[in-house]
Protein backbone atom coordinates (compact mmCIF):
# COMPACT_ATOMS: atom_id res chain seq x y z
CA MET A 1 -160.50 7.57 -19.45
CA ALA A 2 -158.50 10.75 -20.51
CA LYS A 3 -155.29 8.71 -21.38
CA THR A 4 -155.45 5.96 -23.98
CA ILE A 5 -154.44 2.34 -23.05
CA PRO A 6 -150.69 2.12 -22.60
CA GLU A 7 -148.94 0.23 -25.42
CA TRP A 8 -145.63 -1.55 -24.82
CA THR A 9 -143.12 -0.43 -27.53
CA ASP A 10 -139.63 -1.29 -28.46
CA GLU A 11 -138.59 1.63 -26.65
CA LEU A 12 -139.03 0.18 -23.56
CA ARG A 13 -136.96 -3.15 -24.17
CA THR A 14 -133.66 -2.58 -22.19
CA GLY A 15 -131.95 -5.81 -24.08
CA ASP A 16 -131.85 -7.62 -20.59
CA ARG A 17 -134.20 -10.57 -20.09
CA GLU A 18 -134.57 -10.35 -16.57
CA ILE A 19 -135.18 -6.84 -16.48
CA ASP A 20 -137.74 -6.76 -19.42
CA THR A 21 -138.97 -9.79 -18.37
CA HIS A 22 -139.94 -7.55 -14.70
CA HIS A 23 -140.76 -4.43 -16.75
CA ARG A 24 -143.40 -6.31 -18.78
CA ALA A 25 -145.22 -7.63 -15.88
CA LEU A 26 -145.58 -4.10 -14.42
CA PHE A 27 -146.92 -2.77 -18.16
CA GLN A 28 -149.57 -5.53 -18.03
CA ILE A 29 -150.80 -5.19 -14.83
CA VAL A 30 -151.02 -1.06 -15.74
CA LYS A 31 -152.81 -2.24 -18.98
CA ARG A 32 -155.12 -4.27 -17.10
CA LEU A 33 -156.07 -1.83 -14.91
CA ALA A 34 -156.16 0.89 -17.61
CA VAL A 35 -158.78 -1.29 -19.56
CA ALA A 36 -160.56 -2.10 -16.43
CA ALA A 37 -161.03 1.84 -15.80
CA GLU A 38 -162.21 2.24 -19.24
CA LEU A 39 -165.07 -0.28 -18.92
CA GLY A 40 -166.23 1.29 -15.38
CA ARG A 41 -164.60 -1.83 -13.59
CA ALA A 42 -161.53 -0.43 -11.75
CA ASP A 43 -163.21 -1.21 -8.48
CA LEU A 44 -162.14 -4.91 -9.47
CA GLU A 45 -158.80 -4.19 -10.48
CA VAL A 46 -157.09 -1.61 -8.19
CA ASP A 47 -156.81 -3.63 -5.47
CA THR A 48 -154.73 -6.13 -7.33
CA ALA A 49 -152.62 -3.76 -8.79
CA LEU A 50 -151.89 -1.83 -5.84
CA THR A 51 -150.60 -5.23 -4.20
CA PHE A 52 -148.82 -6.38 -7.05
CA LEU A 53 -146.92 -2.88 -7.70
CA THR A 54 -146.17 -3.26 -4.10
CA GLU A 55 -144.40 -6.50 -4.11
CA TYR A 56 -143.14 -5.79 -7.57
CA GLY A 57 -140.94 -2.77 -5.80
CA LYS A 58 -139.88 -5.33 -3.01
CA HIS A 59 -138.29 -7.94 -5.88
CA HIS A 60 -137.33 -5.88 -8.59
CA PHE A 61 -135.81 -2.75 -6.97
CA ALA A 62 -134.09 -5.31 -4.68
CA THR A 63 -132.90 -7.17 -7.98
CA GLU A 64 -131.77 -3.61 -9.91
CA ASP A 65 -130.02 -3.17 -6.40
CA GLN A 66 -128.11 -6.07 -5.85
CA TRP A 67 -126.43 -5.51 -9.63
CA MET A 68 -125.42 -1.65 -8.64
CA VAL A 69 -124.16 -2.49 -5.63
CA ARG A 70 -121.96 -5.28 -7.17
CA LEU A 71 -120.73 -3.44 -9.80
CA ASN A 72 -120.32 -0.64 -8.00
CA TYR A 73 -122.72 1.61 -10.19
CA PRO A 74 -121.53 5.13 -9.82
CA TYR A 75 -125.13 6.30 -9.80
CA ILE A 76 -126.58 3.96 -7.36
CA GLU A 77 -128.07 6.70 -5.06
CA THR A 78 -130.42 8.21 -8.03
CA HIS A 79 -131.34 4.86 -8.78
CA ARG A 80 -132.34 3.89 -5.30
CA ALA A 81 -134.04 7.64 -4.79
CA ALA A 82 -136.29 6.62 -8.14
CA HIS A 83 -137.23 3.39 -6.86
CA ARG A 84 -138.09 4.95 -3.03
CA ALA A 85 -140.36 7.48 -4.77
CA PHE A 86 -142.25 4.70 -6.84
CA VAL A 87 -142.58 2.84 -3.42
CA ASN A 88 -143.69 6.03 -1.57
CA GLN A 89 -146.35 6.83 -4.15
CA ILE A 90 -148.02 3.59 -4.23
CA ALA A 91 -147.85 3.91 -0.78
CA ASP A 92 -149.85 7.35 -1.01
CA PHE A 93 -152.65 4.95 -3.57
CA HIS A 94 -153.30 2.57 -0.86
CA ALA A 95 -153.49 5.36 1.62
CA GLN A 96 -155.86 7.30 -1.12
CA LEU A 97 -158.24 4.21 -1.05
CA ASN A 98 -159.79 5.80 2.24
CA ASP A 99 -160.54 8.93 0.79
CA ALA A 100 -161.52 8.88 -3.17
CA THR A 101 -163.45 6.12 -4.97
CA ARG A 102 -161.50 2.77 -7.04
CA ALA A 103 -162.16 4.83 -9.71
CA GLU A 104 -160.36 7.84 -9.05
CA VAL A 105 -157.60 6.32 -7.81
CA ALA A 106 -157.09 3.60 -10.37
CA GLN A 107 -157.13 6.54 -12.96
CA ALA A 108 -154.41 7.98 -11.26
CA LEU A 109 -152.43 5.07 -10.57
CA VAL A 110 -152.62 4.13 -14.34
CA ARG A 111 -151.63 7.71 -15.54
CA PHE A 112 -149.05 7.50 -12.54
CA ALA A 113 -147.52 4.19 -13.47
CA SER A 114 -147.19 4.97 -17.23
CA ASP A 115 -145.29 8.01 -17.15
CA TRP A 116 -143.41 6.67 -14.50
CA PHE A 117 -142.22 3.60 -16.15
CA ASP A 118 -141.79 5.40 -19.67
CA ARG A 119 -139.28 7.78 -17.88
CA HIS A 120 -137.85 5.53 -15.39
CA VAL A 121 -137.01 2.55 -18.60
CA LYS A 122 -135.59 5.51 -20.50
CA LEU A 123 -133.79 8.10 -18.13
CA VAL A 124 -133.22 5.46 -15.23
CA ASP A 125 -132.64 1.94 -16.21
CA MET A 126 -131.19 2.44 -19.62
CA PRO A 127 -127.71 3.85 -18.58
CA LEU A 128 -127.85 1.16 -15.68
CA ILE A 129 -128.21 -1.55 -18.68
CA GLU A 130 -125.28 0.49 -20.50
CA PHE A 131 -122.94 0.06 -17.52
CA LEU A 132 -123.88 -3.52 -16.70
CA ARG A 133 -123.06 -4.26 -20.57
CA GLY A 134 -119.63 -2.05 -20.30
CA GLN A 135 -119.07 -4.56 -17.47
CA ARG A 136 -119.39 -7.29 -18.82
CA GLN A 137 -117.40 -6.65 -21.78
CA THR A 138 -114.49 -6.18 -19.61
């Protein structure tokens, strides 16, 4: 596999316990899939990962959406668009299982999820968390 196994870093912590718990769960499933892919056993994990990521999207994104609505978050539509893009991409990976090997889908999924997660936390979630903290202080 071209990309190394993703590692959790403090840069990925938002400081919000609930969000960080959700993020760590996503991170762990991606890491588990990456390890399986490196061991040539991705076929055993890719379905589990896709199912988890589908459910994760429903639960985690609904949690963030409730916060954004309640707080009248000014960038709610941009944040929602990022979530929709994730959900759509995971659905695309499900569809790819019909045309590609599970190992190919697993490798692409690990690359996508690792990159998406890093960008999303730093560029989309952190501004939401900062806004949330500002609202709590007022």
